[in-house]
Amino acid sequence: ILEPDPAVIDMFRRIDRRNVRVYALTNAYRVVRRCACQSLTKHARRVLDLLQLTPYFEAIVYCDYANPELCVPSAILLYSACKPEAVFFQAAMAAVHASPQSHMYFVDDSRQNVEAAHALGWQHADVCPIHHANAVHFDENSATKSNVPNKPSDALDAPVRVGSLVALPHVWPRVFH
């Protein structure tokens, strides 16, 4: 059962909104009622609401496998592309008006999605010097729920794995106050 985590909420509060825009990217299939705009991003919005994180996201970037023509405020449609397809990430950048020079930060619970974003250069050069993170794999099944990132020693360019989202300020200190 999903429930709010005060430490995660506090971490989202500490994101420096002057320099960072936050979007939720999802493959979650939506339950769509054609006449009710409120249900267009039903699943992703419901999850963010349950976690009390909705106020910290500018919009939800999602794919709609059934209707490539529909778009609503605070929800951005990416047609039928989905993570980990490169076109999903490229379309997400275009949808949020990110320039090619933008630093793209990406956290996901699927290593395959993280590796796809990493391959497209979603990274930031100013990360914690101990961990060179191109993207972060949120391993919610990690044996340790440490607030310290874990870098595989055998792969210098591999994504950092965290067992808790509250480790992100250690990975990307410039994103947070």
N, C-alpha and C. Protein backbone atom coordinates (compact mmCIF):
# COMPACT_ATOMS: atom_id res chain seq x y z
N ILE A 1 0.85 -1.17 0.00
CA ILE A 1 0.00 0.00 0.00
C ILE A 1 0.90 1.24 0.00
N LEU A 2 0.56 2.15 -0.86
CA LEU A 2 1.32 3.39 -0.95
C LEU A 2 0.91 4.35 0.15
N GLU A 3 1.91 4.95 0.75
CA GLU A 3 1.63 5.98 1.75
C GLU A 3 2.75 7.01 1.71
N PRO A 4 2.46 8.23 2.11
CA PRO A 4 3.47 9.29 2.06
C PRO A 4 4.67 8.97 2.94
N ASP A 5 5.84 9.40 2.47
CA ASP A 5 7.07 9.26 3.23
C ASP A 5 7.55 10.68 3.53
N PRO A 6 7.50 11.11 4.79
CA PRO A 6 7.89 12.49 5.11
C PRO A 6 9.30 12.86 4.64
N ALA A 7 10.24 11.91 4.66
CA ALA A 7 11.60 12.20 4.22
C ALA A 7 11.64 12.46 2.71
N VAL A 8 10.87 11.71 1.95
CA VAL A 8 10.82 11.91 0.49
C VAL A 8 10.13 13.24 0.18
N ILE A 9 9.05 13.54 0.87
CA ILE A 9 8.36 14.81 0.67
C ILE A 9 9.30 15.97 0.97
N ASP A 10 10.04 15.87 2.06
CA ASP A 10 11.00 16.92 2.42
C ASP A 10 12.09 17.04 1.35
N MET A 11 12.54 15.92 0.81
CA MET A 11 13.54 15.97 -0.24
C MET A 11 13.00 16.72 -1.47
N PHE A 12 11.76 16.45 -1.85
CA PHE A 12 11.17 17.17 -2.98
C PHE A 12 11.01 18.66 -2.68
N ARG A 13 10.72 19.00 -1.45
CA ARG A 13 10.62 20.42 -1.05
C ARG A 13 11.96 21.14 -1.23
N ARG A 14 13.06 20.41 -1.05
CA ARG A 14 14.39 21.01 -1.10
C ARG A 14 14.97 21.13 -2.51
N ILE A 15 14.24 20.67 -3.52
CA ILE A 15 14.73 20.83 -4.90
C ILE A 15 14.74 22.31 -5.23
N ASP A 16 15.83 22.76 -5.82
CA ASP A 16 16.00 24.17 -6.18
C ASP A 16 15.17 24.47 -7.44
N ARG A 17 13.97 24.97 -7.25
CA ARG A 17 13.03 25.22 -8.35
C ARG A 17 13.47 26.37 -9.25
N ARG A 18 14.45 27.13 -8.84
CA ARG A 18 14.96 28.20 -9.71
C ARG A 18 15.74 27.62 -10.87
N ASN A 19 16.30 26.42 -10.69
CA ASN A 19 17.15 25.82 -11.71
C ASN A 19 16.68 24.46 -12.20
N VAL A 20 15.68 23.90 -11.56
CA VAL A 20 15.25 22.55 -11.89
C VAL A 20 13.74 22.50 -12.07
N ARG A 21 13.32 21.85 -13.14
CA ARG A 21 11.90 21.58 -13.37
C ARG A 21 11.70 20.08 -13.22
N VAL A 22 10.64 19.67 -12.56
CA VAL A 22 10.44 18.25 -12.26
C VAL A 22 9.18 17.75 -12.97
N TYR A 23 9.35 16.64 -13.68
CA TYR A 23 8.25 15.99 -14.38
C TYR A 23 8.23 14.52 -14.00
N ALA A 24 7.05 13.93 -14.00
CA ALA A 24 6.91 12.48 -13.83
C ALA A 24 6.78 11.88 -15.22
N LEU A 25 7.59 10.89 -15.52
CA LEU A 25 7.53 10.17 -16.79
C LEU A 25 6.99 8.79 -16.52
N THR A 26 5.94 8.41 -17.21
CA THR A 26 5.32 7.12 -16.90
C THR A 26 4.87 6.38 -18.14
N ASN A 27 4.93 5.06 -18.05
CA ASN A 27 4.35 4.17 -19.05
C ASN A 27 2.99 3.67 -18.57
N ALA A 28 2.58 4.08 -17.41
CA ALA A 28 1.34 3.56 -16.82
C ALA A 28 0.18 3.76 -17.78
N TYR A 29 -0.51 2.67 -18.06
CA TYR A 29 -1.68 2.76 -18.92
C TYR A 29 -2.78 3.49 -18.16
N ARG A 30 -3.44 4.38 -18.86
CA ARG A 30 -4.46 5.20 -18.22
C ARG A 30 -5.84 4.60 -18.40
N VAL A 31 -6.68 4.79 -17.42
CA VAL A 31 -8.10 4.50 -17.57
C VAL A 31 -8.71 5.79 -18.09
N VAL A 32 -9.20 5.77 -19.31
CA VAL A 32 -9.65 7.00 -19.94
C VAL A 32 -11.16 6.98 -20.14
N ARG A 33 -11.81 8.00 -19.62
CA ARG A 33 -13.20 8.26 -19.96
C ARG A 33 -13.16 9.46 -20.88
N ARG A 34 -13.60 9.32 -22.08
CA ARG A 34 -13.46 10.35 -23.10
C ARG A 34 -14.04 11.69 -22.69
N CYS A 35 -15.02 11.72 -21.80
CA CYS A 35 -15.68 12.98 -21.47
C CYS A 35 -15.20 13.60 -20.16
N ALA A 36 -14.27 12.97 -19.48
CA ALA A 36 -13.85 13.48 -18.17
C ALA A 36 -12.35 13.71 -18.16
N CYS A 37 -11.93 14.95 -18.34
CA CYS A 37 -10.50 15.27 -18.38
C CYS A 37 -9.77 14.86 -17.11
N GLN A 38 -10.46 14.85 -15.98
CA GLN A 38 -9.81 14.52 -14.72
C GLN A 38 -9.28 13.10 -14.71
N SER A 39 -9.83 12.22 -15.53
CA SER A 39 -9.39 10.83 -15.49
C SER A 39 -8.28 10.54 -16.49
N LEU A 40 -7.83 11.54 -17.23
CA LEU A 40 -6.86 11.27 -18.29
C LEU A 40 -5.53 10.74 -17.77
N THR A 41 -5.08 11.21 -16.66
CA THR A 41 -3.83 10.71 -16.09
C THR A 41 -4.12 10.03 -14.77
N LYS A 42 -5.18 9.31 -14.74
CA LYS A 42 -5.73 8.78 -13.50
C LYS A 42 -4.70 8.02 -12.66
N HIS A 43 -4.02 7.05 -13.23
CA HIS A 43 -3.14 6.22 -12.42
C HIS A 43 -1.95 7.01 -11.87
N ALA A 44 -1.22 7.69 -12.73
CA ALA A 44 -0.04 8.43 -12.28
C ALA A 44 -0.42 9.53 -11.30
N ARG A 45 -1.48 10.24 -11.58
CA ARG A 45 -1.92 11.31 -10.69
C ARG A 45 -2.35 10.74 -9.34
N ARG A 46 -3.04 9.60 -9.37
CA ARG A 46 -3.49 8.98 -8.13
C ARG A 46 -2.30 8.56 -7.27
N VAL A 47 -1.26 8.00 -7.90
CA VAL A 47 -0.07 7.60 -7.16
C VAL A 47 0.60 8.82 -6.53
N LEU A 48 0.79 9.89 -7.34
CA LEU A 48 1.40 11.11 -6.79
C LEU A 48 0.55 11.70 -5.67
N ASP A 49 -0.77 11.66 -5.83
CA ASP A 49 -1.66 12.16 -4.78
C ASP A 49 -1.51 11.34 -3.49
N LEU A 50 -1.51 10.01 -3.64
CA LEU A 50 -1.38 9.14 -2.46
C LEU A 50 -0.06 9.38 -1.73
N LEU A 51 0.99 9.67 -2.49
CA LEU A 51 2.31 9.92 -1.89
C LEU A 51 2.49 11.37 -1.46
N GLN A 52 1.47 12.19 -1.70
CA GLN A 52 1.49 13.63 -1.39
C GLN A 52 2.63 14.34 -2.12
N LEU A 53 2.88 13.93 -3.37
CA LEU A 53 3.96 14.51 -4.16
C LEU A 53 3.46 15.34 -5.34
N THR A 54 2.17 15.36 -5.59
CA THR A 54 1.62 16.09 -6.74
C THR A 54 2.11 17.53 -6.84
N PRO A 55 2.18 18.30 -5.74
CA PRO A 55 2.60 19.70 -5.87
C PRO A 55 4.04 19.89 -6.35
N TYR A 56 4.84 18.84 -6.33
CA TYR A 56 6.25 18.97 -6.66
C TYR A 56 6.57 18.64 -8.12
N PHE A 57 5.55 18.31 -8.90
CA PHE A 57 5.73 17.99 -10.31
C PHE A 57 5.00 19.01 -11.17
N GLU A 58 5.69 19.50 -12.20
CA GLU A 58 5.06 20.45 -13.11
C GLU A 58 4.02 19.77 -13.99
N ALA A 59 4.28 18.54 -14.36
CA ALA A 59 3.36 17.81 -15.23
C ALA A 59 3.73 16.34 -15.24
N ILE A 60 2.84 15.55 -15.80
CA ILE A 60 3.09 14.13 -15.99
C ILE A 60 3.29 13.92 -17.49
N VAL A 61 4.42 13.33 -17.86
CA VAL A 61 4.70 13.00 -19.25
C VAL A 61 4.36 11.52 -19.39
N TYR A 62 3.44 11.20 -20.27
CA TYR A 62 2.96 9.84 -20.35
C TYR A 62 2.72 9.43 -21.80
N CYS A 63 2.53 8.15 -22.00
CA CYS A 63 2.14 7.67 -23.32
C CYS A 63 0.70 7.19 -23.22
N ASP A 64 0.00 7.35 -24.31
CA ASP A 64 -1.38 6.87 -24.40
C ASP A 64 -1.43 5.96 -25.61
N TYR A 65 -1.49 4.68 -25.36
CA TYR A 65 -1.45 3.72 -26.45
C TYR A 65 -2.70 3.78 -27.32
N ALA A 66 -3.78 4.31 -26.80
CA ALA A 66 -5.04 4.28 -27.52
C ALA A 66 -5.37 5.57 -28.27
N ASN A 67 -4.90 6.72 -27.80
CA ASN A 67 -5.35 7.98 -28.39
C ASN A 67 -4.20 8.97 -28.52
N PRO A 68 -3.53 9.01 -29.67
CA PRO A 68 -2.38 9.90 -29.83
C PRO A 68 -2.73 11.36 -30.06
N GLU A 69 -3.98 11.73 -29.99
CA GLU A 69 -4.36 13.12 -30.27
C GLU A 69 -4.79 13.89 -29.03
N LEU A 70 -4.80 13.27 -27.88
CA LEU A 70 -5.38 13.87 -26.69
C LEU A 70 -4.32 14.45 -25.77
N CYS A 71 -4.50 15.66 -25.29
CA CYS A 71 -3.57 16.27 -24.36
C CYS A 71 -4.35 17.20 -23.45
N VAL A 72 -4.00 17.24 -22.17
CA VAL A 72 -4.71 18.08 -21.22
C VAL A 72 -3.72 18.87 -20.39
N PRO A 73 -4.16 19.95 -19.73
CA PRO A 73 -3.25 20.71 -18.88
C PRO A 73 -2.62 19.82 -17.82
N SER A 74 -1.37 20.09 -17.52
CA SER A 74 -0.55 19.36 -16.54
C SER A 74 -0.36 17.89 -16.89
N ALA A 75 -0.62 17.55 -18.15
CA ALA A 75 -0.32 16.21 -18.64
C ALA A 75 0.18 16.36 -20.06
N ILE A 76 1.27 15.72 -20.38
CA ILE A 76 1.89 15.85 -21.69
C ILE A 76 1.88 14.48 -22.34
N LEU A 77 1.32 14.40 -23.54
CA LEU A 77 1.14 13.15 -24.24
C LEU A 77 2.31 12.86 -25.17
N LEU A 78 2.81 11.64 -25.17
CA LEU A 78 3.91 11.25 -26.04
C LEU A 78 3.52 10.15 -27.02
N TYR A 79 2.30 10.15 -27.47
CA TYR A 79 1.83 9.18 -28.44
C TYR A 79 2.07 7.77 -27.93
N SER A 80 2.49 6.85 -28.79
CA SER A 80 2.57 5.47 -28.33
C SER A 80 3.98 5.04 -27.91
N ALA A 81 4.95 5.92 -27.96
CA ALA A 81 6.29 5.57 -27.50
C ALA A 81 6.28 5.41 -25.98
N CYS A 82 7.10 4.52 -25.48
CA CYS A 82 7.18 4.34 -24.03
C CYS A 82 8.61 4.03 -23.64
N LYS A 83 8.90 4.20 -22.35
CA LYS A 83 10.22 3.84 -21.84
C LYS A 83 10.41 2.33 -22.03
N PRO A 84 11.53 1.85 -22.45
CA PRO A 84 12.83 2.49 -22.61
C PRO A 84 13.15 2.94 -24.04
N GLU A 85 12.15 3.11 -24.89
CA GLU A 85 12.42 3.52 -26.26
C GLU A 85 13.06 4.90 -26.29
N ALA A 86 14.10 5.05 -27.11
CA ALA A 86 14.80 6.33 -27.21
C ALA A 86 13.85 7.45 -27.62
N VAL A 87 12.89 7.14 -28.48
CA VAL A 87 11.96 8.16 -28.94
C VAL A 87 11.12 8.71 -27.79
N PHE A 88 10.85 7.90 -26.77
CA PHE A 88 10.11 8.39 -25.60
C PHE A 88 10.90 9.51 -24.92
N PHE A 89 12.17 9.26 -24.66
CA PHE A 89 13.00 10.25 -23.97
C PHE A 89 13.20 11.51 -24.83
N GLN A 90 13.39 11.32 -26.13
CA GLN A 90 13.55 12.46 -27.03
C GLN A 90 12.27 13.28 -27.09
N ALA A 91 11.13 12.60 -27.16
CA ALA A 91 9.85 13.29 -27.19
C ALA A 91 9.57 13.98 -25.86
N ALA A 92 10.00 13.38 -24.76
CA ALA A 92 9.81 14.00 -23.44
C ALA A 92 10.58 15.32 -23.38
N MET A 93 11.80 15.32 -23.90
CA MET A 93 12.59 16.56 -23.92
C MET A 93 11.89 17.63 -24.74
N ALA A 94 11.38 17.24 -25.89
CA ALA A 94 10.67 18.21 -26.74
C ALA A 94 9.38 18.69 -26.06
N ALA A 95 8.68 17.78 -25.42
CA ALA A 95 7.40 18.14 -24.80
C ALA A 95 7.56 19.15 -23.67
N VAL A 96 8.67 19.08 -22.95
CA VAL A 96 8.89 20.01 -21.83
C VAL A 96 9.76 21.18 -22.24
N HIS A 97 10.04 21.27 -23.55
CA HIS A 97 10.81 22.38 -24.12
C HIS A 97 12.22 22.44 -23.55
N ALA A 98 12.83 21.28 -23.36
CA ALA A 98 14.21 21.22 -22.88
C ALA A 98 15.15 21.37 -24.08
N SER A 99 16.12 22.20 -23.94
CA SER A 99 17.10 22.39 -25.01
C SER A 99 18.10 21.24 -24.99
N PRO A 100 18.81 21.03 -26.11
CA PRO A 100 19.84 19.98 -26.11
C PRO A 100 20.92 20.23 -25.06
N GLN A 101 21.08 21.46 -24.61
CA GLN A 101 22.08 21.78 -23.60
C GLN A 101 21.56 21.55 -22.18
N SER A 102 20.29 21.24 -22.03
CA SER A 102 19.71 21.01 -20.71
C SER A 102 20.35 19.81 -20.04
N HIS A 103 20.49 19.88 -18.74
CA HIS A 103 20.95 18.74 -17.96
C HIS A 103 19.71 17.95 -17.57
N MET A 104 19.65 16.71 -17.99
CA MET A 104 18.49 15.88 -17.72
C MET A 104 18.84 14.89 -16.61
N TYR A 105 18.09 14.94 -15.53
CA TYR A 105 18.25 14.02 -14.40
C TYR A 105 17.16 12.98 -14.52
N PHE A 106 17.48 11.73 -14.26
CA PHE A 106 16.47 10.68 -14.43
C PHE A 106 16.62 9.64 -13.34
N VAL A 107 15.50 9.32 -12.70
CA VAL A 107 15.44 8.27 -11.68
C VAL A 107 14.31 7.34 -12.08
N ASP A 108 14.57 6.06 -12.01
CA ASP A 108 13.53 5.09 -12.38
C ASP A 108 13.77 3.80 -11.62
N ASP A 109 12.73 3.02 -11.44
CA ASP A 109 12.87 1.74 -10.75
C ASP A 109 13.20 0.60 -11.72
N SER A 110 13.29 0.90 -13.01
CA SER A 110 13.67 -0.09 -14.00
C SER A 110 15.08 0.21 -14.50
N ARG A 111 15.98 -0.71 -14.28
CA ARG A 111 17.36 -0.51 -14.74
C ARG A 111 17.40 -0.34 -16.26
N GLN A 112 16.55 -1.05 -16.98
CA GLN A 112 16.50 -0.93 -18.44
C GLN A 112 16.14 0.49 -18.85
N ASN A 113 15.19 1.11 -18.18
CA ASN A 113 14.83 2.49 -18.48
C ASN A 113 15.97 3.45 -18.15
N VAL A 114 16.64 3.19 -17.03
CA VAL A 114 17.77 4.04 -16.62
C VAL A 114 18.89 3.94 -17.65
N GLU A 115 19.19 2.73 -18.09
CA GLU A 115 20.26 2.56 -19.07
C GLU A 115 19.91 3.22 -20.40
N ALA A 116 18.64 3.22 -20.79
CA ALA A 116 18.23 3.88 -22.03
C ALA A 116 18.41 5.40 -21.92
N ALA A 117 18.02 5.98 -20.79
CA ALA A 117 18.20 7.42 -20.59
C ALA A 117 19.69 7.75 -20.54
N HIS A 118 20.45 6.94 -19.87
CA HIS A 118 21.89 7.11 -19.76
C HIS A 118 22.54 7.11 -21.15
N ALA A 119 22.11 6.20 -22.01
CA ALA A 119 22.67 6.10 -23.37
C ALA A 119 22.40 7.37 -24.18
N LEU A 120 21.34 8.08 -23.85
CA LEU A 120 21.00 9.31 -24.55
C LEU A 120 21.67 10.54 -23.93
N GLY A 121 22.48 10.31 -22.90
CA GLY A 121 23.23 11.41 -22.31
C GLY A 121 22.49 12.17 -21.24
N TRP A 122 21.44 11.61 -20.69
CA TRP A 122 20.74 12.28 -19.60
C TRP A 122 21.67 12.21 -18.40
N GLN A 123 22.30 13.32 -18.12
CA GLN A 123 23.28 13.35 -17.05
C GLN A 123 23.53 14.78 -16.61
N HIS A 124 24.36 14.93 -15.62
CA HIS A 124 24.81 16.23 -15.15
C HIS A 124 26.26 16.09 -14.74
N ALA A 125 27.09 17.01 -15.17
CA ALA A 125 28.53 16.90 -14.90
C ALA A 125 28.88 17.18 -13.45
N ASP A 126 28.10 17.99 -12.77
CA ASP A 126 28.43 18.38 -11.39
C ASP A 126 27.72 17.49 -10.39
N VAL A 127 28.15 16.26 -10.31
CA VAL A 127 27.58 15.34 -9.33
C VAL A 127 28.58 15.15 -8.21
N CYS A 128 28.15 14.49 -7.18
CA CYS A 128 29.02 14.19 -6.06
C CYS A 128 30.30 13.54 -6.59
N PRO A 129 31.46 14.05 -6.23
CA PRO A 129 32.70 13.54 -6.82
C PRO A 129 32.95 12.06 -6.59
N ILE A 130 32.34 11.48 -5.58
CA ILE A 130 32.55 10.06 -5.31
C ILE A 130 31.76 9.21 -6.31
N HIS A 131 30.64 9.74 -6.78
CA HIS A 131 29.74 8.99 -7.65
C HIS A 131 29.50 9.76 -8.94
N HIS A 132 29.97 9.23 -10.06
CA HIS A 132 29.68 9.85 -11.36
C HIS A 132 28.36 9.24 -11.83
N ALA A 133 27.29 10.00 -11.72
CA ALA A 133 25.97 9.45 -12.02
C ALA A 133 25.41 10.03 -13.29
N ASN A 134 25.19 9.18 -14.27
CA ASN A 134 24.51 9.60 -15.49
C ASN A 134 23.01 9.47 -15.31
N ALA A 135 22.61 8.50 -14.55
CA ALA A 135 21.20 8.27 -14.24
C ALA A 135 21.19 7.44 -12.97
N VAL A 136 20.06 7.40 -12.31
CA VAL A 136 19.97 6.71 -11.03
C VAL A 136 18.93 5.61 -11.10
N HIS A 137 19.33 4.43 -10.69
CA HIS A 137 18.41 3.29 -10.61
C HIS A 137 17.89 3.22 -9.18
N PHE A 138 16.60 3.44 -9.01
CA PHE A 138 15.96 3.34 -7.70
C PHE A 138 15.55 1.89 -7.52
N ASP A 139 16.33 1.17 -6.72
CA ASP A 139 16.09 -0.25 -6.48
C ASP A 139 15.32 -0.41 -5.19
N GLU A 140 14.00 -0.36 -5.29
CA GLU A 140 13.18 -0.43 -4.09
C GLU A 140 13.24 -1.78 -3.40
N ASN A 141 13.81 -2.76 -4.08
CA ASN A 141 13.96 -4.09 -3.49
C ASN A 141 15.35 -4.30 -2.93
N SER A 142 16.14 -3.24 -2.90
CA SER A 142 17.50 -3.32 -2.39
C SER A 142 17.49 -3.84 -0.95
N ALA A 143 18.47 -4.66 -0.65
CA ALA A 143 18.56 -5.21 0.71
C ALA A 143 18.78 -4.12 1.74
N THR A 144 19.47 -3.05 1.31
CA THR A 144 19.70 -1.94 2.22
C THR A 144 18.93 -0.74 1.73
N LYS A 145 18.25 -0.08 2.61
CA LYS A 145 17.51 1.14 2.27
C LYS A 145 18.35 2.34 2.66
N SER A 146 19.62 2.26 2.32
CA SER A 146 20.58 3.29 2.70
C SER A 146 20.30 4.61 2.01
N ASN A 147 20.64 5.69 2.68
CA ASN A 147 20.55 7.01 2.11
C ASN A 147 21.81 7.37 1.34
N VAL A 148 22.72 6.43 1.21
CA VAL A 148 23.99 6.65 0.51
C VAL A 148 23.95 5.87 -0.79
N PRO A 149 24.29 6.52 -1.91
CA PRO A 149 24.26 5.83 -3.20
C PRO A 149 25.26 4.69 -3.28
N ASN A 150 24.97 3.72 -4.12
CA ASN A 150 25.83 2.57 -4.32
C ASN A 150 26.27 2.55 -5.78
N LYS A 151 27.56 2.59 -6.00
CA LYS A 151 28.12 2.57 -7.35
C LYS A 151 28.77 1.22 -7.58
N PRO A 152 28.33 0.45 -8.59
CA PRO A 152 29.00 -0.82 -8.85
C PRO A 152 30.48 -0.59 -9.15
N SER A 153 31.35 -1.31 -8.46
CA SER A 153 32.79 -1.08 -8.61
C SER A 153 33.33 -1.57 -9.94
N ASP A 154 32.61 -2.47 -10.61
CA ASP A 154 33.11 -3.02 -11.86
C ASP A 154 32.74 -2.19 -13.08
N ALA A 155 31.98 -1.13 -12.92
CA ALA A 155 31.54 -0.35 -14.08
C ALA A 155 31.58 1.12 -13.74
N LEU A 156 32.65 1.79 -14.18
CA LEU A 156 32.81 3.21 -13.85
C LEU A 156 31.71 4.08 -14.42
N ASP A 157 31.12 3.66 -15.54
CA ASP A 157 30.12 4.48 -16.19
C ASP A 157 28.70 3.97 -15.94
N ALA A 158 28.53 3.05 -15.03
CA ALA A 158 27.20 2.48 -14.75
C ALA A 158 26.37 3.45 -13.93
N PRO A 159 25.05 3.34 -14.05
CA PRO A 159 24.19 4.19 -13.22
C PRO A 159 24.39 3.88 -11.73
N VAL A 160 24.21 4.90 -10.93
CA VAL A 160 24.23 4.73 -9.48
C VAL A 160 22.93 4.06 -9.06
N ARG A 161 23.00 3.18 -8.08
CA ARG A 161 21.81 2.53 -7.55
C ARG A 161 21.55 3.08 -6.15
N VAL A 162 20.33 3.47 -5.90
CA VAL A 162 19.95 3.92 -4.56
C VAL A 162 18.82 3.03 -4.06
N GLY A 163 18.81 2.78 -2.78
CA GLY A 163 17.75 2.00 -2.16
C GLY A 163 16.68 2.89 -1.56
N SER A 164 16.95 4.19 -1.56
CA SER A 164 16.00 5.16 -1.02
C SER A 164 16.11 6.44 -1.83
N LEU A 165 14.99 7.02 -2.17
CA LEU A 165 15.01 8.27 -2.94
C LEU A 165 15.70 9.40 -2.18
N VAL A 166 15.71 9.33 -0.86
CA VAL A 166 16.34 10.40 -0.09
C VAL A 166 17.86 10.41 -0.25
N ALA A 167 18.42 9.45 -0.99
CA ALA A 167 19.85 9.47 -1.30
C ALA A 167 20.15 10.42 -2.46
N LEU A 168 19.15 10.87 -3.19
CA LEU A 168 19.39 11.71 -4.37
C LEU A 168 20.20 12.97 -4.10
N PRO A 169 20.03 13.67 -2.98
CA PRO A 169 20.88 14.84 -2.73
C PRO A 169 22.38 14.50 -2.67
N HIS A 170 22.72 13.25 -2.34
CA HIS A 170 24.12 12.83 -2.34
C HIS A 170 24.63 12.64 -3.77
N VAL A 171 23.73 12.26 -4.67
CA VAL A 171 24.10 12.01 -6.05
C VAL A 171 24.15 13.31 -6.85
N TRP A 172 23.13 14.16 -6.64
CA TRP A 172 23.01 15.41 -7.39
C TRP A 172 22.90 16.58 -6.42
N PRO A 173 23.96 16.94 -5.72
CA PRO A 173 23.87 17.99 -4.70
C PRO A 173 23.46 19.35 -5.25
N ARG A 174 23.77 19.65 -6.49
CA ARG A 174 23.41 20.97 -7.05
C ARG A 174 21.93 21.12 -7.34
N VAL A 175 21.18 20.03 -7.29
CA VAL A 175 19.74 20.09 -7.54
C VAL A 175 18.99 20.56 -6.31
N PHE A 176 19.61 20.44 -5.15
CA PHE A 176 18.91 20.69 -3.89
C PHE A 176 19.46 21.90 -3.16
N HIS A 177 18.59 22.53 -2.36
CA HIS A 177 19.02 23.64 -1.48
C HIS A 177 19.78 23.06 -0.31
